């Protein structure tokens, strides 16, 4: 049996799960079905794969590098590489980058492409991967198909030549209407397309290079001119010259040697609030209650609350999702239209902790000309030596001891002590103790984001911005 290199896709904003998922907080990094994020659950399943399985790679956007790294750190397995895309170009370019990098490193087995924003039971996952590994030849391109549990119009379908565990693909079908989907459910040859794949790097790239030589050349160049930074591999800027496309359309639907392995019926893409509710499990009234919320005399509804208390009283068939960034109230049968809300009301404030290599920060309030954050600095860690052109900052220590550099001065602050950083003043915040440092930062100015940072020294290899 060929060696296996899992490649985890950690992109995707999940706009149908607004406001819990957005461009600022990707769906895969959210704890939708328990205490762990979907990414952590995915890595935990991969850790149980038997045989010659290499340390998994993770594909993610550069903006999420530290959040992804922190989630990966908690997993019970070693991570091989975290490959960073300079910008989103669809799944085919990202997967091709991993395939080229695998070939550069001499890997000659199969890549297992695993989305990190899905849910599936462990036994179903292990069985489906085993079926593919036992049957796939080096030339096969394998997709994983799920026996449909209902007539879903939001999924693509795969038609098998024969309704068996491993079969050639007869055709791919885009999202059907309800009447067509009902026929597919009755026909055992039709499966939901799960978005998980298995193939050798050579087999996948041969199809894509023949179809889109310009994009494949750009991605190959981005790999050869990429930069290794600690646990990260940042693809070169030529990656941006690749066309944006999905692997389904650009490769799988164009190839001849395509097979489908039957995958576990517990699979869900948890791509809508109803799908989240089904995967999480409903109570006796058909409700799903997550967070600081209560439902009284209410049925068949879902409530996800974060940092906001939510109460339902005497209602039915509602979807309610609430965060500091927004509140959704929708009819259950309109779940596919939630993305229309996301398009009209993009999240401009999010209280989710933002992971950094030195710790994290969490926005707690904002308004015209000000932003308030709670900052936590890990023991024996430091932020970069930096300055800001457009804002001043006021620091107040809540717990621990802060080591502060201001211009030519260096001093310490304890609990209930504070200092102010002026515009253009070089400064650095550090925690030189074995205990966590917690403080409040109040930013005042006309530009209150990462763009107003000039770094002079940094412990984590981040280039000046």
Protein backbone atom coordinates (compact mmCIF):
# COMPACT_ATOMS: atom_id res chain seq x y z
CA UNK A 1 0.00 0.00 0.00
CA UNK A 2 1.38 3.40 -1.01
CA UNK A 3 2.45 5.95 1.58
CA UNK A 4 -0.14 8.56 2.44
CA UNK A 5 0.40 12.30 2.89
CA UNK A 6 -2.71 14.04 4.29
CA UNK A 7 -3.17 17.62 3.05
CA UNK A 8 -5.71 19.57 5.09
CA UNK A 9 -7.56 22.47 3.47
CA UNK A 10 -8.02 25.17 6.13
CA UNK A 11 -9.50 27.97 4.05
CA UNK A 12 -13.13 28.91 3.43
CA UNK A 13 -15.07 31.60 5.24
CA UNK A 14 -18.41 29.75 5.44
CA UNK A 15 -20.68 32.68 4.60
CA UNK A 16 -23.86 30.61 5.10
CA UNK A 17 -22.91 30.45 8.80
CA UNK A 18 -22.94 34.23 9.25
CA UNK A 19 -22.15 35.75 11.74
CA UNK A 20 -20.23 32.86 13.35
CA UNK A 21 -18.09 32.40 10.26
CA UNK A 22 -16.73 35.20 8.10
CA UNK A 23 -13.57 36.35 6.36
CA UNK A 24 -12.26 37.35 9.81
CA UNK A 25 -13.08 34.02 11.48
CA UNK A 26 -12.95 31.03 9.10
CA UNK A 27 -15.46 28.27 9.68
CA UNK A 28 -12.76 25.62 10.22
CA UNK A 29 -11.37 27.49 13.23
CA UNK A 30 -14.72 27.68 15.05
CA UNK A 31 -15.97 25.21 17.72
CA UNK A 32 -19.28 24.48 16.04
CA UNK A 33 -19.87 20.95 17.31
CA UNK A 34 -18.13 20.91 20.67
CA UNK A 35 -15.18 22.43 22.47
CA UNK A 36 -12.76 21.71 19.62
CA UNK A 37 -12.70 23.55 16.31
CA UNK A 38 -13.48 21.65 13.11
CA UNK A 39 -9.76 21.82 12.22
CA UNK A 40 -8.79 20.20 15.50
CA UNK A 41 -11.40 17.47 14.98
CA UNK A 42 -10.03 16.84 11.46
CA UNK A 43 -6.46 16.48 12.72
CA UNK A 44 -7.64 14.13 15.48
CA UNK A 45 -9.21 11.83 12.85
CA UNK A 46 -6.06 11.90 10.71
CA UNK A 47 -4.02 10.90 13.75
CA UNK A 48 -5.91 7.59 13.83
CA UNK A 49 -5.07 6.56 10.25
CA UNK A 50 -3.03 3.32 10.21
CA UNK A 51 -0.01 2.38 8.13
CA UNK A 52 2.56 4.57 6.41
CA UNK A 53 1.00 7.97 7.01
CA UNK A 54 3.24 11.04 6.88
CA UNK A 55 2.89 14.07 9.13
CA UNK A 56 0.00 16.06 7.62
CA UNK A 57 0.37 19.35 5.82
CA UNK A 58 -2.07 22.22 6.23
CA UNK A 59 -2.99 24.69 3.48
CA UNK A 60 -4.16 28.07 4.77
CA UNK A 61 -4.22 31.76 3.95
CA UNK A 62 -1.34 33.88 5.20
CA UNK A 63 -3.74 35.98 7.31
CA UNK A 64 -4.61 32.93 9.42
CA UNK A 65 -1.11 31.52 9.90
CA UNK A 66 -0.88 31.91 13.67
CA UNK A 67 -4.46 30.87 14.39
CA UNK A 68 -3.97 27.71 12.31
CA UNK A 69 -0.61 27.02 13.96
CA UNK A 70 -2.14 27.33 17.43
CA UNK A 71 -4.97 24.92 16.57
CA UNK A 72 -2.44 22.49 15.07
CA UNK A 73 -0.29 22.72 18.19
CA UNK A 74 -3.09 21.26 20.28
CA UNK A 75 -3.46 18.22 18.00
CA UNK A 76 -2.09 14.88 19.11
CA UNK A 77 0.21 14.46 16.12
CA UNK A 78 3.16 16.18 14.51
CA UNK A 79 2.43 18.65 11.70
CA UNK A 80 4.70 18.49 8.66
CA UNK A 81 4.20 21.86 6.98
CA UNK A 82 1.79 24.77 7.10
CA UNK A 83 1.68 26.06 3.52
CA UNK A 84 0.51 29.66 3.24
CA UNK A 85 -1.26 31.13 0.23
CA UNK A 86 -0.65 34.86 -0.35
CA UNK A 87 -4.27 35.12 -1.46
CA UNK A 88 -7.14 32.77 -2.32
CA UNK A 89 -7.04 31.19 -5.76
CA UNK A 90 -9.45 28.27 -5.35
CA UNK A 91 -8.80 24.70 -4.33
CA UNK A 92 -6.99 23.55 -7.47
CA UNK A 93 -4.11 26.03 -7.18
CA UNK A 94 -3.70 25.34 -3.46
CA UNK A 95 -3.72 21.57 -3.89
CA UNK A 96 -1.37 21.81 -6.87
CA UNK A 97 1.08 23.79 -4.71
CA UNK A 98 1.08 20.94 -2.18
CA UNK A 99 1.52 18.41 -5.01
CA UNK A 100 4.52 20.26 -6.49
CA UNK A 101 6.08 20.66 -3.05
CA UNK A 102 5.59 16.95 -2.34
CA UNK A 103 7.37 16.07 -5.60
CA UNK A 104 10.18 18.51 -4.79
CA UNK A 105 10.68 16.59 -1.55
CA UNK A 106 10.67 13.19 -3.29
CA UNK A 107 7.27 11.94 -2.11
CA UNK A 108 5.93 9.17 -4.38
CA UNK A 109 2.78 8.02 -2.58
CA UNK A 110 -0.80 9.32 -2.49
CA UNK A 111 -2.02 12.69 -1.30
CA UNK A 112 -5.18 12.58 0.81
CA UNK A 113 -6.97 15.92 0.43
CA UNK A 114 -9.14 16.56 3.49
CA UNK A 115 -11.31 19.67 4.00
CA UNK A 116 -11.03 20.87 7.59
CA UNK A 117 -14.52 22.37 7.76
CA UNK A 118 -16.51 19.13 7.59
CA UNK A 119 -17.72 16.56 10.09
CA UNK A 120 -17.67 12.78 9.83
CA UNK A 121 -17.62 9.95 12.35
CA UNK A 122 -14.20 8.39 13.00
CA UNK A 123 -15.19 4.87 11.89
CA UNK A 124 -16.71 6.16 8.65
CA UNK A 125 -13.60 8.23 7.97
CA UNK A 126 -11.19 5.35 8.55
CA UNK A 127 -13.28 2.92 6.49
CA UNK A 128 -13.62 5.30 3.54
CA UNK A 129 -9.89 6.07 3.41
CA UNK A 130 -9.08 2.34 3.69
CA UNK A 131 -11.32 1.55 0.69
CA UNK A 132 -9.58 4.19 -1.43
CA UNK A 133 -6.05 3.17 -0.39
CA UNK A 134 -6.69 -0.53 -1.01
CA UNK A 135 -8.07 0.01 -4.51
CA UNK A 136 -6.44 3.11 -5.98
CA UNK A 137 -3.77 2.63 -8.64
CA UNK A 138 -1.09 5.26 -9.13
CA UNK A 139 -3.03 6.72 -12.07
CA UNK A 140 -6.40 6.92 -10.33
CA UNK A 141 -7.98 10.18 -9.24
CA UNK A 142 -10.33 9.28 -6.39
CA UNK A 143 -13.20 11.29 -5.00
CA UNK A 144 -15.21 10.26 -1.97
CA UNK A 145 -18.99 9.97 -2.33
CA UNK A 146 -21.54 9.85 0.48
CA UNK A 147 -24.83 7.90 0.21
CA UNK A 148 -27.44 10.69 0.33
CA UNK A 149 -29.64 10.81 3.42
CA UNK A 150 -32.14 13.24 1.89
CA UNK A 151 -32.76 15.17 -1.33
CA UNK A 152 -30.13 17.88 -0.92
CA UNK A 153 -30.15 20.65 -3.51
CA UNK A 154 -27.07 22.36 -2.06
CA UNK A 155 -24.62 19.51 -2.80
CA UNK A 156 -23.01 18.26 -5.99
CA UNK A 157 -23.50 14.58 -6.87
CA UNK A 158 -21.33 11.81 -8.29
CA UNK A 159 -22.85 9.02 -10.37
CA UNK A 160 -21.11 5.64 -10.08
CA UNK A 161 -20.99 3.13 -12.90
CA UNK A 162 -21.97 0.49 -10.33
CA UNK A 163 -23.31 1.04 -6.78
CA UNK A 164 -20.36 -0.63 -5.05
CA UNK A 165 -17.67 0.45 -2.57
CA UNK A 166 -15.18 1.49 -5.29
CA UNK A 167 -16.25 2.22 -8.83
CA UNK A 168 -15.41 4.34 -11.89
CA UNK A 169 -17.26 7.65 -12.03
CA UNK A 170 -19.93 7.85 -14.71
CA UNK A 171 -20.41 11.61 -14.35
CA UNK A 172 -20.43 14.57 -11.99
CA UNK A 173 -23.65 16.50 -11.52
CA UNK A 174 -23.93 20.09 -10.28
CA UNK A 175 -26.44 21.05 -7.57
CA UNK A 176 -29.79 19.69 -8.83
CA UNK A 177 -33.32 20.94 -8.34
CA UNK A 178 -35.49 19.21 -5.74
CA UNK A 179 -37.27 16.84 -8.14
CA UNK A 180 -33.94 15.67 -9.61
CA UNK A 181 -32.38 15.29 -6.16
CA UNK A 182 -35.30 13.09 -5.10
CA UNK A 183 -34.63 10.80 -8.08
CA UNK A 184 -30.96 10.64 -7.11
CA UNK A 185 -31.80 9.55 -3.57
CA UNK A 186 -33.83 6.64 -4.96
CA UNK A 187 -31.03 5.63 -7.36
CA UNK A 188 -28.22 3.94 -5.40
CA UNK A 189 -25.63 4.95 -8.02
CA UNK A 190 -25.78 8.61 -6.97
CA UNK A 191 -23.69 9.92 -4.10
CA UNK A 192 -23.05 13.32 -2.58
CA UNK A 193 -19.67 14.72 -3.61
CA UNK A 194 -17.81 15.11 -0.28
CA UNK A 195 -14.92 17.29 -1.48
CA UNK A 196 -12.30 14.82 -0.22
CA UNK A 197 -9.83 13.29 -2.71
CA UNK A 198 -6.97 10.82 -3.01
CA UNK A 199 -4.41 10.72 -5.84
CA UNK A 200 -0.71 10.77 -6.58
CA UNK A 201 0.82 14.20 -7.22
CA UNK A 202 1.83 13.11 -10.74
CA UNK A 203 -1.69 11.99 -11.67
CA UNK A 204 -3.38 15.17 -10.49
CA UNK A 205 -0.81 17.53 -11.99
CA UNK A 206 -0.78 15.79 -15.36
CA UNK A 207 -4.46 16.62 -15.86
CA UNK A 208 -4.18 20.21 -14.67
CA UNK A 209 -0.99 21.01 -16.59
CA UNK A 210 -2.61 19.84 -19.82
CA UNK A 211 -5.73 21.93 -19.18
CA UNK A 212 -4.17 25.11 -17.77
CA UNK A 213 -0.43 25.28 -18.44
CA UNK A 214 -0.16 28.97 -17.56
CA UNK A 215 -1.66 28.55 -14.08
CA UNK A 216 0.29 25.38 -13.36
CA UNK A 217 3.54 27.12 -14.33
CA UNK A 218 2.71 30.02 -12.02
CA UNK A 219 2.04 27.71 -9.08
CA UNK A 220 5.21 25.70 -9.71
CA UNK A 221 7.20 28.92 -9.75
CA UNK A 222 5.56 30.02 -6.49
CA UNK A 223 6.74 26.77 -4.88
CA UNK A 224 10.30 27.08 -6.18
CA UNK A 225 10.50 30.68 -4.98
CA UNK A 226 8.64 30.15 -1.73
CA UNK A 227 10.11 31.07 1.65
CA UNK A 228 10.41 28.78 4.66
CA UNK A 229 9.73 30.64 7.92
CA UNK A 230 9.86 28.45 11.02
CA UNK A 231 6.95 25.97 10.64
CA UNK A 232 5.52 27.86 7.65
CA UNK A 233 6.13 27.73 3.91
CA UNK A 234 4.96 30.93 2.23
CA UNK A 235 4.28 30.51 -1.48
CA UNK A 236 5.83 33.08 -3.79
CA UNK A 237 3.85 35.90 -5.38
CA UNK A 238 3.58 34.07 -8.71
CA UNK A 239 0.81 32.09 -7.02
CA UNK A 240 -1.38 35.13 -7.63
CA UNK A 241 -1.08 34.63 -11.40
CA UNK A 242 -2.96 31.31 -11.24
CA UNK A 243 -6.60 31.28 -12.30
CA UNK A 244 -9.11 30.87 -9.49
CA UNK A 245 -10.85 27.54 -9.91
CA UNK A 246 -12.02 24.47 -8.01
CA UNK A 247 -10.31 21.10 -8.25
CA UNK A 248 -13.67 19.51 -9.08
CA UNK A 249 -14.06 21.52 -12.28
CA UNK A 250 -10.40 21.99 -13.25
CA UNK A 251 -9.23 18.40 -12.67
CA UNK A 252 -11.74 15.78 -11.56
CA UNK A 253 -14.39 16.53 -14.21
CA UNK A 254 -11.74 16.69 -16.95
CA UNK A 255 -9.91 13.44 -16.23
CA UNK A 256 -10.52 9.95 -17.63
CA UNK A 257 -9.20 7.73 -14.83
CA UNK A 258 -11.58 8.93 -12.08
CA UNK A 259 -13.02 6.67 -9.39
CA UNK A 260 -15.28 7.15 -6.41
CA UNK A 261 -14.91 5.51 -3.00
CA UNK A 262 -18.06 5.25 -0.89
CA UNK A 263 -17.69 7.33 2.23
CA UNK A 264 -19.44 7.24 5.60
CA UNK A 265 -23.09 8.23 5.83
CA UNK A 266 -22.31 10.31 8.96
CA UNK A 267 -20.57 12.90 6.75
CA UNK A 268 -21.78 16.50 6.79
CA UNK A 269 -20.24 19.61 5.30
CA UNK A 270 -21.80 21.59 8.21
CA UNK A 271 -22.16 24.33 5.62
CA UNK A 272 -25.54 25.63 6.78
CA UNK A 273 -27.11 26.21 10.18
CA UNK A 274 -29.50 23.28 9.70
CA UNK A 275 -26.56 21.02 8.87
CA UNK A 276 -24.80 22.23 12.02
CA UNK A 277 -27.92 21.43 14.03
CA UNK A 278 -28.24 17.94 12.56
CA UNK A 279 -24.59 17.15 13.29
CA UNK A 280 -24.75 18.61 16.81
CA UNK A 281 -27.90 16.67 17.73
CA UNK A 282 -31.32 18.05 18.61
CA UNK A 283 -33.22 17.81 21.91
CA UNK A 284 -36.70 16.38 22.39
CA UNK A 285 -38.31 19.52 20.99
CA UNK A 286 -36.06 19.50 17.94
CA UNK A 287 -34.01 22.44 19.22
CA UNK A 288 -30.25 22.99 19.24
CA UNK A 289 -29.03 25.34 21.97
CA UNK A 290 -25.36 26.40 22.04
CA UNK A 291 -23.90 29.03 24.34
CA UNK A 292 -25.67 31.31 26.81
CA UNK A 293 -29.19 30.77 25.49
CA UNK A 294 -32.54 29.28 26.44
CA UNK A 295 -35.61 28.16 24.47
CA UNK A 296 -39.03 28.05 26.20
CA UNK A 297 -42.13 26.62 24.50
CA UNK A 298 -40.17 26.64 21.23
CA UNK A 299 -39.62 23.86 18.71
CA UNK A 300 -37.40 22.93 15.78
CA UNK A 301 -35.15 25.95 16.25
CA UNK A 302 -31.43 26.55 16.54
CA UNK A 303 -29.66 29.09 18.75
CA UNK A 304 -25.90 29.73 18.70
CA UNK A 305 -24.88 32.50 21.08
CA UNK A 306 -21.44 33.95 21.80
CA UNK A 307 -20.87 36.86 24.19
CA UNK A 308 -24.61 37.63 23.96
CA UNK A 309 -27.53 36.12 25.88
CA UNK A 310 -30.39 34.90 23.69
CA UNK A 311 -33.87 33.76 24.70
CA UNK A 312 -36.53 32.14 22.50
CA UNK A 313 -40.13 32.11 23.64
CA UNK A 314 -43.05 30.48 21.84
CA UNK A 315 -41.47 30.29 18.38
CA UNK A 316 -40.90 27.55 15.83
CA UNK A 317 -38.52 26.83 12.97
CA UNK A 318 -36.07 29.69 13.57
CA UNK A 319 -32.33 30.01 13.08
CA UNK A 320 -30.72 32.44 15.53
CA UNK A 321 -26.96 33.05 15.61
CA UNK A 322 -25.51 35.88 17.67
CA UNK A 323 -22.00 37.21 18.22
CA UNK A 324 -20.55 40.60 19.06
CA UNK A 325 -20.25 41.14 15.30
CA UNK A 326 -23.88 40.54 14.34
CA UNK A 327 -27.17 38.75 14.96
CA UNK A 328 -28.99 36.47 12.51
CA UNK A 329 -32.70 35.67 12.80
CA UNK A 330 -33.95 33.56 9.89
CA UNK A 331 -36.60 31.03 8.94
CA UNK A 332 -35.19 27.48 8.87
CA UNK A 333 -36.19 26.99 5.26
CA UNK A 334 -34.16 30.04 4.15
CA UNK A 335 -30.77 28.68 5.28
CA UNK A 336 -29.28 28.76 1.77
CA UNK A 337 -29.95 32.51 1.59
CA UNK A 338 -27.95 33.46 4.69
CA UNK A 339 -25.02 34.35 2.45
CA UNK A 340 -27.13 37.24 1.14
CA UNK A 341 -27.01 38.69 4.65
CA UNK A 342 -23.23 38.18 4.75
CA UNK A 343 -22.89 40.08 1.46
CA UNK A 344 -24.98 43.03 2.70
CA UNK A 345 -23.63 43.13 6.28
CA UNK A 346 -19.97 42.11 6.30
CA UNK A 347 -18.56 41.69 9.81
CA UNK A 348 -16.52 44.78 10.69
CA UNK A 349 -16.06 43.96 14.37
CA UNK A 350 -15.37 40.57 15.88
CA UNK A 351 -14.72 39.70 19.52
CA UNK A 352 -13.10 36.37 18.66
CA UNK A 353 -9.55 36.10 20.06
CA UNK A 354 -6.93 36.76 17.37
CA UNK A 355 -4.03 34.34 17.75
CA UNK A 356 -0.49 35.66 17.48
CA UNK A 357 2.82 33.82 18.08
CA UNK A 358 3.28 35.69 21.38
CA UNK A 359 -0.28 35.10 22.65
CA UNK A 360 -3.56 36.64 21.57
CA UNK A 361 -5.74 39.73 21.66
CA UNK A 362 -9.51 40.17 21.77
CA UNK A 363 -11.33 43.32 20.66
CA UNK A 364 -13.97 44.33 23.22
CA UNK A 365 -15.18 47.78 22.08
CA UNK A 366 -14.79 50.16 19.16
CA UNK A 367 -16.11 53.41 17.80
CA UNK A 368 -15.06 56.49 15.87
CA UNK A 369 -11.34 56.95 16.52
CA UNK A 370 -10.92 54.30 19.23
CA UNK A 371 -10.47 50.53 19.68
CA UNK A 372 -10.20 48.63 22.98
CA UNK A 373 -8.49 45.23 23.20
CA UNK A 374 -7.69 42.73 25.92
CA UNK A 375 -4.15 41.47 25.27
CA UNK A 376 -2.68 38.26 26.67
CA UNK A 377 1.07 37.71 26.34
CA UNK A 378 2.44 34.22 26.90
CA UNK A 379 5.21 33.65 29.46
CA UNK A 380 8.68 34.52 28.14
CA UNK A 381 7.26 36.07 24.97
CA UNK A 382 7.47 39.51 23.35
CA UNK A 383 5.74 41.54 20.67
CA UNK A 384 7.86 43.18 18.00
CA UNK A 385 9.73 46.45 18.46
CA UNK A 386 7.44 48.72 16.48
CA UNK A 387 5.88 52.14 16.00
CA UNK A 388 2.63 53.61 14.67
CA UNK A 389 2.16 56.70 12.54
CA UNK A 390 -1.59 57.13 12.99
CA UNK A 391 -2.41 56.11 16.54
CA UNK A 392 -1.44 56.44 20.18
CA UNK A 393 -1.95 53.64 22.70
CA UNK A 394 -2.71 53.48 26.41
CA UNK A 395 -1.75 50.26 28.25
CA UNK A 396 -3.24 49.14 31.57
CA UNK A 397 -1.93 45.96 33.24
CA UNK A 398 -4.65 43.75 34.72
CA UNK A 399 -2.60 40.74 35.75
CA UNK A 400 1.10 39.85 35.62
CA UNK A 401 4.15 42.01 34.93
CA UNK A 402 4.79 43.89 31.68
CA UNK A 403 8.30 44.70 30.49
CA UNK A 404 7.98 47.88 28.43
CA UNK A 405 10.38 49.57 26.04
CA UNK A 406 9.50 53.21 25.20
CA UNK A 407 12.05 55.01 23.09
CA UNK A 408 15.30 54.75 25.08
CA UNK A 409 13.58 53.77 28.34
CA UNK A 410 12.94 50.25 29.65
CA UNK A 411 10.77 49.63 32.71
CA UNK A 412 8.20 47.30 34.25
CA UNK A 413 4.51 47.70 35.03
CA UNK A 414 2.53 45.67 37.52
CA UNK A 415 -1.21 45.21 38.04
CA UNK A 416 -3.20 48.48 37.99
CA UNK A 417 -0.26 50.41 36.50
CA UNK A 418 -0.35 52.04 33.08
CA UNK A 419 1.60 53.91 30.42
CA UNK A 420 0.89 55.79 27.19
CA UNK A 421 2.64 55.20 23.84
CA UNK A 422 2.69 58.28 21.62
CA UNK A 423 2.48 58.37 17.84
CA UNK A 424 5.81 57.61 16.14
CA UNK A 425 7.25 56.37 19.46
CA UNK A 426 9.20 53.12 19.17
CA UNK A 427 7.95 50.63 21.72
CA UNK A 428 7.86 47.00 22.70
CA UNK A 429 5.77 44.93 25.10
CA UNK A 430 7.20 41.75 26.63
CA UNK A 431 6.43 39.21 29.33
CA UNK A 432 9.70 38.10 30.92
CA UNK A 433 8.02 36.09 33.68
CA UNK A 434 6.75 32.48 33.86
CA UNK A 435 3.17 33.74 34.37
CA UNK A 436 0.69 35.09 31.80
CA UNK A 437 0.40 38.83 31.25
CA UNK A 438 -3.10 40.28 30.76
CA UNK A 439 -3.65 43.93 29.93
CA UNK A 440 -6.01 46.37 28.25
CA UNK A 441 -4.89 48.38 25.25
CA UNK A 442 -6.83 51.47 24.18
CA UNK A 443 -5.94 52.66 20.68
CA UNK A 444 -6.73 56.25 19.70
CA UNK A 445 -6.30 57.56 16.15
CA UNK A 446 -7.50 57.58 12.58
CA UNK A 447 -6.06 54.19 11.49
CA UNK A 448 -6.60 51.34 13.93
CA UNK A 449 -5.48 48.17 12.20
CA UNK A 450 -2.42 46.10 11.30
CA UNK A 451 -1.57 48.41 8.40
CA UNK A 452 -0.30 51.00 10.90
CA UNK A 453 2.59 48.87 12.18
CA UNK A 454 6.24 49.33 11.28
CA UNK A 455 8.39 46.56 12.77
CA UNK A 456 12.08 46.99 13.56
CA UNK A 457 12.81 43.78 15.47
CA UNK A 458 10.74 40.62 15.72
CA UNK A 459 11.28 37.20 17.31
CA UNK A 460 9.05 35.40 14.81
CA UNK A 461 10.58 36.29 11.45
CA UNK A 462 7.78 38.65 10.39
CA UNK A 463 8.98 41.13 7.82
CA UNK A 464 8.45 44.87 8.36
CA UNK A 465 5.07 46.08 7.14
